[in-house]
Amino acid sequence: MFGKKKSKTTEDSAASTETVTTETVEATEVEATETTEASADIAEATAEAVNTATDTLTVSTEDMEALTRFRLAGEDCIKELGNMEIRKARIIASYGQLENASQQKLMEIGASLGIAEGTGWSVNPDGTVTVHNSPSTTATESEAATTAE
């Protein structure tokens, strides 16, 4: 009642599992040994190839001169791009100064025409002025000149 009798199939199964496990461990050990030996062979072959390559391979003088020309041309391109960036910054600064001068002149024109500060207005290509913010007043420069006389 307390003990069970092991069947033959259970014992055979346990034995076959043990055999498979042992074979797997042995196969893994063989593979590890082969991998270590292969790694050592590869390292030795690589060292020999490096020594051989260092001793026998050289670049021709013409190719070295071409590579030098390419490198120098690339450096010249980078310098030129730097100069263009400096020029770009100067042009942007000039544009900013022109914008400020334009705004200052528009403020002077608006004051001379009697347009209140903060009122929206624009100068048309023919020289007339259109006031945008006051719907009741659509004064033009010619009307302002007539009123001033």
N, C-alpha and C. Protein backbone atom coordinates (compact mmCIF):
# COMPACT_ATOMS: atom_id res chain seq x y z
N MET A 1 0.80 -1.17 0.00
CA MET A 1 0.00 0.00 0.00
C MET A 1 0.85 1.25 0.00
N PHE A 2 1.91 1.26 0.78
CA PHE A 2 2.75 2.44 0.83
C PHE A 2 3.74 2.48 -0.32
N GLY A 3 4.15 1.40 -0.79
CA GLY A 3 5.15 1.39 -1.85
C GLY A 3 4.54 0.90 -3.14
N LYS A 4 5.01 1.47 -4.23
CA LYS A 4 4.53 1.03 -5.53
C LYS A 4 5.66 0.31 -6.22
N LYS A 5 5.29 -0.62 -6.97
CA LYS A 5 6.26 -1.38 -7.71
C LYS A 5 6.54 -0.63 -9.01
N LYS A 6 7.83 -0.41 -9.30
CA LYS A 6 8.17 0.31 -10.52
C LYS A 6 7.99 -0.61 -11.70
N SER A 7 7.42 -0.06 -12.70
CA SER A 7 7.23 -0.87 -13.89
C SER A 7 8.50 -0.84 -14.72
N LYS A 8 8.65 -1.80 -15.57
CA LYS A 8 9.84 -1.91 -16.40
C LYS A 8 9.92 -0.73 -17.36
N THR A 9 8.80 -0.25 -17.85
CA THR A 9 8.82 0.87 -18.80
C THR A 9 9.33 2.13 -18.13
N THR A 10 9.03 2.33 -16.86
CA THR A 10 9.53 3.50 -16.15
C THR A 10 11.03 3.43 -16.01
N GLU A 11 11.54 2.24 -15.69
CA GLU A 11 12.99 2.08 -15.56
C GLU A 11 13.68 2.28 -16.91
N ASP A 12 13.10 1.73 -17.98
CA ASP A 12 13.67 1.89 -19.32
C ASP A 12 13.66 3.35 -19.73
N SER A 13 12.57 4.05 -19.42
CA SER A 13 12.45 5.46 -19.75
C SER A 13 13.50 6.28 -19.01
N ALA A 14 13.70 5.98 -17.74
CA ALA A 14 14.70 6.70 -16.94
C ALA A 14 16.09 6.43 -17.48
N ALA A 15 16.35 5.18 -17.86
CA ALA A 15 17.67 4.82 -18.40
C ALA A 15 17.91 5.51 -19.73
N SER A 16 16.89 5.59 -20.58
CA SER A 16 17.07 6.23 -21.88
C SER A 16 17.25 7.74 -21.71
N THR A 17 16.56 8.33 -20.74
CA THR A 17 16.73 9.76 -20.47
C THR A 17 18.14 10.03 -19.99
N GLU A 18 18.65 9.15 -19.12
CA GLU A 18 20.01 9.32 -18.61
C GLU A 18 21.02 9.18 -19.75
N THR A 19 20.79 8.26 -20.66
CA THR A 19 21.68 8.06 -21.80
C THR A 19 21.67 9.28 -22.71
N VAL A 20 20.48 9.81 -22.98
CA VAL A 20 20.36 10.99 -23.84
C VAL A 20 21.05 12.18 -23.19
N THR A 21 20.85 12.35 -21.88
CA THR A 21 21.49 13.45 -21.16
C THR A 21 23.00 13.32 -21.20
N THR A 22 23.51 12.11 -20.98
CA THR A 22 24.95 11.88 -21.02
C THR A 22 25.50 12.15 -22.41
N GLU A 23 24.80 11.70 -23.45
CA GLU A 23 25.25 11.94 -24.81
C GLU A 23 25.24 13.43 -25.13
N THR A 24 24.23 14.15 -24.65
CA THR A 24 24.14 15.59 -24.88
C THR A 24 25.30 16.31 -24.21
N VAL A 25 25.62 15.95 -22.98
CA VAL A 25 26.73 16.58 -22.26
C VAL A 25 28.04 16.29 -22.99
N GLU A 26 28.24 15.03 -23.42
CA GLU A 26 29.47 14.68 -24.12
C GLU A 26 29.56 15.43 -25.45
N ALA A 27 28.45 15.54 -26.17
CA ALA A 27 28.44 16.25 -27.44
C ALA A 27 28.75 17.73 -27.23
N THR A 28 28.20 18.31 -26.17
CA THR A 28 28.46 19.71 -25.86
C THR A 28 29.93 19.92 -25.53
N GLU A 29 30.51 19.00 -24.78
CA GLU A 29 31.93 19.11 -24.44
C GLU A 29 32.80 19.02 -25.69
N VAL A 30 32.45 18.12 -26.61
CA VAL A 30 33.21 17.98 -27.87
C VAL A 30 33.10 19.25 -28.69
N GLU A 31 31.87 19.81 -28.80
CA GLU A 31 31.67 21.04 -29.55
C GLU A 31 32.44 22.20 -28.94
N ALA A 32 32.46 22.29 -27.62
CA ALA A 32 33.19 23.35 -26.94
C ALA A 32 34.68 23.23 -27.21
N THR A 33 35.19 22.01 -27.18
CA THR A 33 36.61 21.78 -27.45
C THR A 33 36.93 22.15 -28.90
N GLU A 34 36.06 21.73 -29.83
CA GLU A 34 36.27 22.05 -31.23
C GLU A 34 36.20 23.55 -31.46
N THR A 35 35.26 24.25 -30.80
CA THR A 35 35.13 25.69 -30.94
C THR A 35 36.36 26.40 -30.42
N THR A 36 36.89 25.96 -29.29
CA THR A 36 38.10 26.56 -28.73
C THR A 36 39.27 26.37 -29.67
N GLU A 37 39.40 25.15 -30.22
CA GLU A 37 40.49 24.89 -31.16
C GLU A 37 40.33 25.72 -32.42
N ALA A 38 39.09 25.85 -32.92
CA ALA A 38 38.83 26.64 -34.13
C ALA A 38 39.14 28.11 -33.87
N SER A 39 38.78 28.63 -32.70
CA SER A 39 39.06 30.02 -32.36
C SER A 39 40.56 30.27 -32.32
N ALA A 40 41.31 29.33 -31.78
CA ALA A 40 42.76 29.46 -31.73
C ALA A 40 43.34 29.45 -33.14
N ASP A 41 42.81 28.57 -34.01
CA ASP A 41 43.27 28.51 -35.40
C ASP A 41 42.96 29.82 -36.13
N ILE A 42 41.78 30.36 -35.91
CA ILE A 42 41.39 31.62 -36.55
C ILE A 42 42.28 32.76 -36.08
N ALA A 43 42.54 32.83 -34.79
CA ALA A 43 43.40 33.89 -34.25
C ALA A 43 44.79 33.80 -34.84
N GLU A 44 45.31 32.58 -34.96
CA GLU A 44 46.65 32.39 -35.53
C GLU A 44 46.67 32.79 -37.00
N ALA A 45 45.64 32.39 -37.75
CA ALA A 45 45.56 32.74 -39.17
C ALA A 45 45.42 34.24 -39.36
N THR A 46 44.65 34.89 -38.49
CA THR A 46 44.49 36.34 -38.56
C THR A 46 45.81 37.05 -38.30
N ALA A 47 46.53 36.61 -37.30
CA ALA A 47 47.83 37.21 -36.98
C ALA A 47 48.79 37.05 -38.15
N GLU A 48 48.78 35.87 -38.78
CA GLU A 48 49.65 35.65 -39.94
C GLU A 48 49.24 36.55 -41.10
N ALA A 49 47.93 36.70 -41.32
CA ALA A 49 47.44 37.53 -42.42
C ALA A 49 47.81 38.99 -42.20
N VAL A 50 47.72 39.46 -40.96
CA VAL A 50 48.08 40.84 -40.65
C VAL A 50 49.56 41.06 -40.91
N ASN A 51 50.39 40.15 -40.45
CA ASN A 51 51.83 40.27 -40.68
C ASN A 51 52.13 40.24 -42.17
N THR A 52 51.50 39.34 -42.90
CA THR A 52 51.72 39.24 -44.34
C THR A 52 51.23 40.50 -45.04
N ALA A 53 50.04 40.97 -44.66
CA ALA A 53 49.48 42.16 -45.29
C ALA A 53 50.34 43.37 -45.01
N THR A 54 50.85 43.50 -43.82
CA THR A 54 51.68 44.64 -43.47
C THR A 54 52.97 44.62 -44.27
N ASP A 55 53.49 43.44 -44.51
CA ASP A 55 54.77 43.32 -45.20
C ASP A 55 54.64 43.50 -46.71
N THR A 56 53.55 43.04 -47.32
CA THR A 56 53.51 42.98 -48.78
C THR A 56 52.58 43.98 -49.44
N LEU A 57 51.61 44.55 -48.76
CA LEU A 57 50.65 45.44 -49.41
C LEU A 57 51.04 46.89 -49.22
N THR A 58 51.09 47.63 -50.33
CA THR A 58 51.36 49.07 -50.28
C THR A 58 50.47 49.76 -51.31
N VAL A 59 50.21 51.02 -51.07
CA VAL A 59 49.40 51.82 -51.99
C VAL A 59 50.37 52.58 -52.89
N SER A 60 50.03 52.66 -54.17
CA SER A 60 50.92 53.33 -55.12
C SER A 60 51.00 54.82 -54.82
N THR A 61 52.07 55.43 -55.28
CA THR A 61 52.28 56.87 -55.07
C THR A 61 51.17 57.67 -55.74
N GLU A 62 50.76 57.25 -56.94
CA GLU A 62 49.69 57.95 -57.66
C GLU A 62 48.39 57.92 -56.86
N ASP A 63 48.06 56.75 -56.30
CA ASP A 63 46.84 56.64 -55.51
C ASP A 63 46.92 57.49 -54.25
N MET A 64 48.07 57.52 -53.62
CA MET A 64 48.24 58.35 -52.42
C MET A 64 48.09 59.83 -52.77
N GLU A 65 48.65 60.23 -53.92
CA GLU A 65 48.50 61.63 -54.36
C GLU A 65 47.04 61.95 -54.64
N ALA A 66 46.32 61.02 -55.27
CA ALA A 66 44.90 61.23 -55.54
C ALA A 66 44.11 61.36 -54.24
N LEU A 67 44.39 60.49 -53.28
CA LEU A 67 43.71 60.57 -51.98
C LEU A 67 44.01 61.89 -51.29
N THR A 68 45.24 62.36 -51.39
CA THR A 68 45.61 63.64 -50.79
C THR A 68 44.86 64.78 -51.46
N ARG A 69 44.77 64.74 -52.80
CA ARG A 69 44.02 65.78 -53.52
C ARG A 69 42.55 65.79 -53.10
N PHE A 70 41.97 64.60 -52.98
CA PHE A 70 40.57 64.52 -52.56
C PHE A 70 40.38 65.09 -51.16
N ARG A 71 41.28 64.76 -50.26
CA ARG A 71 41.18 65.25 -48.88
C ARG A 71 41.30 66.77 -48.85
N LEU A 72 42.27 67.32 -49.60
CA LEU A 72 42.46 68.77 -49.63
C LEU A 72 41.26 69.47 -50.27
N ALA A 73 40.72 68.88 -51.34
CA ALA A 73 39.53 69.47 -51.98
C ALA A 73 38.35 69.46 -51.01
N GLY A 74 38.20 68.39 -50.25
CA GLY A 74 37.14 68.33 -49.24
C GLY A 74 37.31 69.39 -48.17
N GLU A 75 38.54 69.59 -47.73
CA GLU A 75 38.81 70.64 -46.74
C GLU A 75 38.50 72.01 -47.31
N ASP A 76 38.82 72.24 -48.60
CA ASP A 76 38.49 73.51 -49.24
C ASP A 76 36.98 73.73 -49.29
N CYS A 77 36.23 72.67 -49.58
CA CYS A 77 34.76 72.78 -49.61
C CYS A 77 34.22 73.17 -48.24
N ILE A 78 34.77 72.56 -47.21
CA ILE A 78 34.31 72.88 -45.85
C ILE A 78 34.63 74.33 -45.50
N LYS A 79 35.82 74.80 -45.90
CA LYS A 79 36.18 76.21 -45.65
C LYS A 79 35.23 77.14 -46.39
N GLU A 80 34.92 76.80 -47.64
CA GLU A 80 34.01 77.63 -48.44
C GLU A 80 32.62 77.67 -47.80
N LEU A 81 32.15 76.53 -47.32
CA LEU A 81 30.85 76.51 -46.63
C LEU A 81 30.88 77.40 -45.39
N GLY A 82 31.98 77.39 -44.67
CA GLY A 82 32.12 78.26 -43.51
C GLY A 82 32.06 79.73 -43.90
N ASN A 83 32.75 80.07 -45.00
CA ASN A 83 32.71 81.46 -45.49
C ASN A 83 31.31 81.85 -45.93
N MET A 84 30.60 80.91 -46.55
CA MET A 84 29.22 81.19 -46.96
C MET A 84 28.32 81.42 -45.75
N GLU A 85 28.53 80.67 -44.69
CA GLU A 85 27.74 80.86 -43.47
C GLU A 85 27.99 82.24 -42.87
N ILE A 86 29.24 82.67 -42.89
CA ILE A 86 29.57 84.01 -42.38
C ILE A 86 28.89 85.07 -43.24
N ARG A 87 28.97 84.90 -44.56
CA ARG A 87 28.33 85.85 -45.48
C ARG A 87 26.82 85.86 -45.26
N LYS A 88 26.23 84.69 -45.07
CA LYS A 88 24.79 84.58 -44.82
C LYS A 88 24.41 85.35 -43.56
N ALA A 89 25.20 85.20 -42.50
CA ALA A 89 24.91 85.91 -41.25
C ALA A 89 24.97 87.42 -41.45
N ARG A 90 25.94 87.86 -42.25
CA ARG A 90 26.06 89.31 -42.52
C ARG A 90 24.87 89.81 -43.33
N ILE A 91 24.42 89.03 -44.31
CA ILE A 91 23.27 89.43 -45.12
C ILE A 91 22.02 89.50 -44.26
N ILE A 92 21.85 88.55 -43.37
CA ILE A 92 20.69 88.56 -42.47
C ILE A 92 20.74 89.79 -41.56
N ALA A 93 21.92 90.13 -41.08
CA ALA A 93 22.06 91.33 -40.23
C ALA A 93 21.72 92.58 -41.03
N SER A 94 22.17 92.66 -42.29
CA SER A 94 21.85 93.81 -43.14
C SER A 94 20.35 93.90 -43.37
N TYR A 95 19.72 92.76 -43.61
CA TYR A 95 18.28 92.74 -43.82
C TYR A 95 17.56 93.25 -42.57
N GLY A 96 18.02 92.83 -41.41
CA GLY A 96 17.42 93.30 -40.16
C GLY A 96 17.54 94.81 -40.01
N GLN A 97 18.69 95.36 -40.39
CA GLN A 97 18.88 96.81 -40.32
C GLN A 97 17.94 97.52 -41.29
N LEU A 98 17.79 96.97 -42.51
CA LEU A 98 16.88 97.56 -43.48
C LEU A 98 15.43 97.51 -42.99
N GLU A 99 15.07 96.41 -42.38
CA GLU A 99 13.71 96.27 -41.84
C GLU A 99 13.46 97.31 -40.75
N ASN A 100 14.42 97.50 -39.87
CA ASN A 100 14.28 98.51 -38.80
C ASN A 100 14.18 99.91 -39.39
N ALA A 101 15.01 100.23 -40.39
CA ALA A 101 14.97 101.55 -41.03
C ALA A 101 13.63 101.76 -41.71
N SER A 102 13.11 100.71 -42.36
CA SER A 102 11.82 100.80 -43.03
C SER A 102 10.70 101.08 -42.02
N GLN A 103 10.70 100.37 -40.90
CA GLN A 103 9.69 100.59 -39.87
C GLN A 103 9.78 102.00 -39.29
N GLN A 104 10.99 102.47 -39.09
CA GLN A 104 11.19 103.83 -38.57
C GLN A 104 10.62 104.87 -39.55
N LYS A 105 10.90 104.67 -40.86
CA LYS A 105 10.40 105.60 -41.87
C LYS A 105 8.88 105.57 -41.93
N LEU A 106 8.29 104.36 -41.83
CA LEU A 106 6.83 104.27 -41.83
C LEU A 106 6.23 104.98 -40.63
N MET A 107 6.88 104.90 -39.48
CA MET A 107 6.38 105.61 -38.29
C MET A 107 6.44 107.12 -38.52
N GLU A 108 7.49 107.61 -39.15
CA GLU A 108 7.61 109.04 -39.45
C GLU A 108 6.51 109.47 -40.43
N ILE A 109 6.29 108.67 -41.47
CA ILE A 109 5.25 108.99 -42.45
C ILE A 109 3.88 108.99 -41.78
N GLY A 110 3.60 107.99 -40.96
CA GLY A 110 2.32 107.93 -40.25
C GLY A 110 2.11 109.14 -39.36
N ALA A 111 3.16 109.56 -38.67
CA ALA A 111 3.05 110.74 -37.79
C ALA A 111 2.81 112.00 -38.62
N SER A 112 3.49 112.13 -39.76
CA SER A 112 3.31 113.33 -40.59
C SER A 112 1.93 113.38 -41.23
N LEU A 113 1.31 112.22 -41.46
CA LEU A 113 -0.04 112.17 -42.03
C LEU A 113 -1.12 112.26 -40.96
N GLY A 114 -0.72 112.22 -39.70
CA GLY A 114 -1.69 112.32 -38.62
C GLY A 114 -2.39 111.01 -38.30
N ILE A 115 -1.80 109.90 -38.68
CA ILE A 115 -2.38 108.60 -38.36
C ILE A 115 -1.98 108.24 -36.94
N ALA A 116 -2.97 107.94 -36.11
CA ALA A 116 -2.71 107.65 -34.70
C ALA A 116 -1.85 106.38 -34.59
N GLU A 117 -0.96 106.38 -33.61
CA GLU A 117 -0.10 105.22 -33.38
C GLU A 117 -0.95 104.02 -32.97
N GLY A 118 -0.68 102.87 -33.55
CA GLY A 118 -1.46 101.67 -33.28
C GLY A 118 -2.55 101.43 -34.31
N THR A 119 -2.81 102.41 -35.16
CA THR A 119 -3.79 102.25 -36.22
C THR A 119 -3.13 101.52 -37.38
N GLY A 120 -3.84 100.54 -37.95
CA GLY A 120 -3.29 99.80 -39.08
C GLY A 120 -3.46 100.57 -40.37
N TRP A 121 -2.42 100.65 -41.15
CA TRP A 121 -2.47 101.33 -42.43
C TRP A 121 -1.39 100.77 -43.35
N SER A 122 -1.54 101.04 -44.64
CA SER A 122 -0.55 100.57 -45.60
C SER A 122 -0.38 101.59 -46.71
N VAL A 123 0.78 101.54 -47.33
CA VAL A 123 1.07 102.42 -48.46
C VAL A 123 0.89 101.60 -49.73
N ASN A 124 0.07 102.10 -50.63
CA ASN A 124 -0.19 101.42 -51.90
C ASN A 124 0.91 101.76 -52.90
N PRO A 125 1.07 100.94 -53.95
CA PRO A 125 2.13 101.20 -54.94
C PRO A 125 2.03 102.57 -55.62
N ASP A 126 0.81 103.13 -55.70
CA ASP A 126 0.67 104.45 -56.32
C ASP A 126 0.92 105.59 -55.34
N GLY A 127 1.27 105.26 -54.08
CA GLY A 127 1.59 106.29 -53.10
C GLY A 127 0.43 106.67 -52.20
N THR A 128 -0.74 106.12 -52.44
CA THR A 128 -1.87 106.42 -51.57
C THR A 128 -1.77 105.56 -50.31
N VAL A 129 -2.42 106.03 -49.26
CA VAL A 129 -2.39 105.33 -47.97
C VAL A 129 -3.80 104.82 -47.68
N THR A 130 -3.86 103.57 -47.22
CA THR A 130 -5.14 102.97 -46.83
C THR A 130 -5.08 102.69 -45.34
N VAL A 131 -6.05 103.22 -44.60
CA VAL A 131 -6.14 102.99 -43.16
C VAL A 131 -7.05 101.79 -42.96
N HIS A 132 -6.60 100.79 -42.18
CA HIS A 132 -7.32 99.52 -42.04
C HIS A 132 -8.17 99.43 -40.78
N ASN A 133 -7.76 100.02 -39.70
CA ASN A 133 -8.43 99.78 -38.42
C ASN A 133 -9.65 100.65 -38.17
N SER A 134 -9.81 101.75 -38.85
CA SER A 134 -11.00 102.56 -38.60
C SER A 134 -11.91 102.48 -39.82
N PRO A 135 -13.03 101.75 -39.72
CA PRO A 135 -13.92 101.55 -40.86
C PRO A 135 -14.59 102.83 -41.34
N SER A 136 -14.77 103.82 -40.48
CA SER A 136 -15.44 105.04 -40.90
C SER A 136 -14.50 105.95 -41.67
N THR A 137 -13.20 105.77 -41.52
CA THR A 137 -12.25 106.62 -42.21
C THR A 137 -11.49 105.79 -43.23
N THR A 138 -11.59 106.17 -44.50
CA THR A 138 -10.81 105.53 -45.55
C THR A 138 -9.98 106.59 -46.23
N ALA A 139 -9.22 107.30 -45.44
CA ALA A 139 -8.42 108.41 -45.95
C ALA A 139 -7.28 107.90 -46.80
N THR A 140 -7.00 108.65 -47.85
CA THR A 140 -5.84 108.37 -48.66
C THR A 140 -4.86 109.50 -48.46
N GLU A 141 -3.65 109.33 -48.99
CA GLU A 141 -2.64 110.37 -48.81
C GLU A 141 -3.10 111.66 -49.48
N SER A 142 -3.76 111.55 -50.63
CA SER A 142 -4.22 112.76 -51.32
C SER A 142 -5.29 113.48 -50.49
N GLU A 143 -6.19 112.75 -49.83
CA GLU A 143 -7.20 113.37 -48.98
C GLU A 143 -6.55 114.02 -47.78
N ALA A 144 -5.53 113.37 -47.23
CA ALA A 144 -4.83 113.94 -46.08
C ALA A 144 -4.12 115.22 -46.49
N ALA A 145 -3.56 115.27 -47.68
CA ALA A 145 -2.88 116.47 -48.16
C ALA A 145 -3.88 117.59 -48.39
N THR A 146 -5.07 117.25 -48.92
CA THR A 146 -6.11 118.25 -49.15
C THR A 146 -6.59 118.81 -47.82
N THR A 147 -6.77 117.99 -46.83
CA THR A 147 -7.23 118.42 -45.52
C THR A 147 -6.19 119.31 -44.87
N ALA A 148 -4.93 119.01 -45.05
CA ALA A 148 -3.87 119.79 -44.43
C ALA A 148 -3.77 121.17 -45.04
N GLU A 149 -4.17 121.35 -46.30
CA GLU A 149 -4.08 122.65 -46.96
C GLU A 149 -5.18 123.51 -46.47
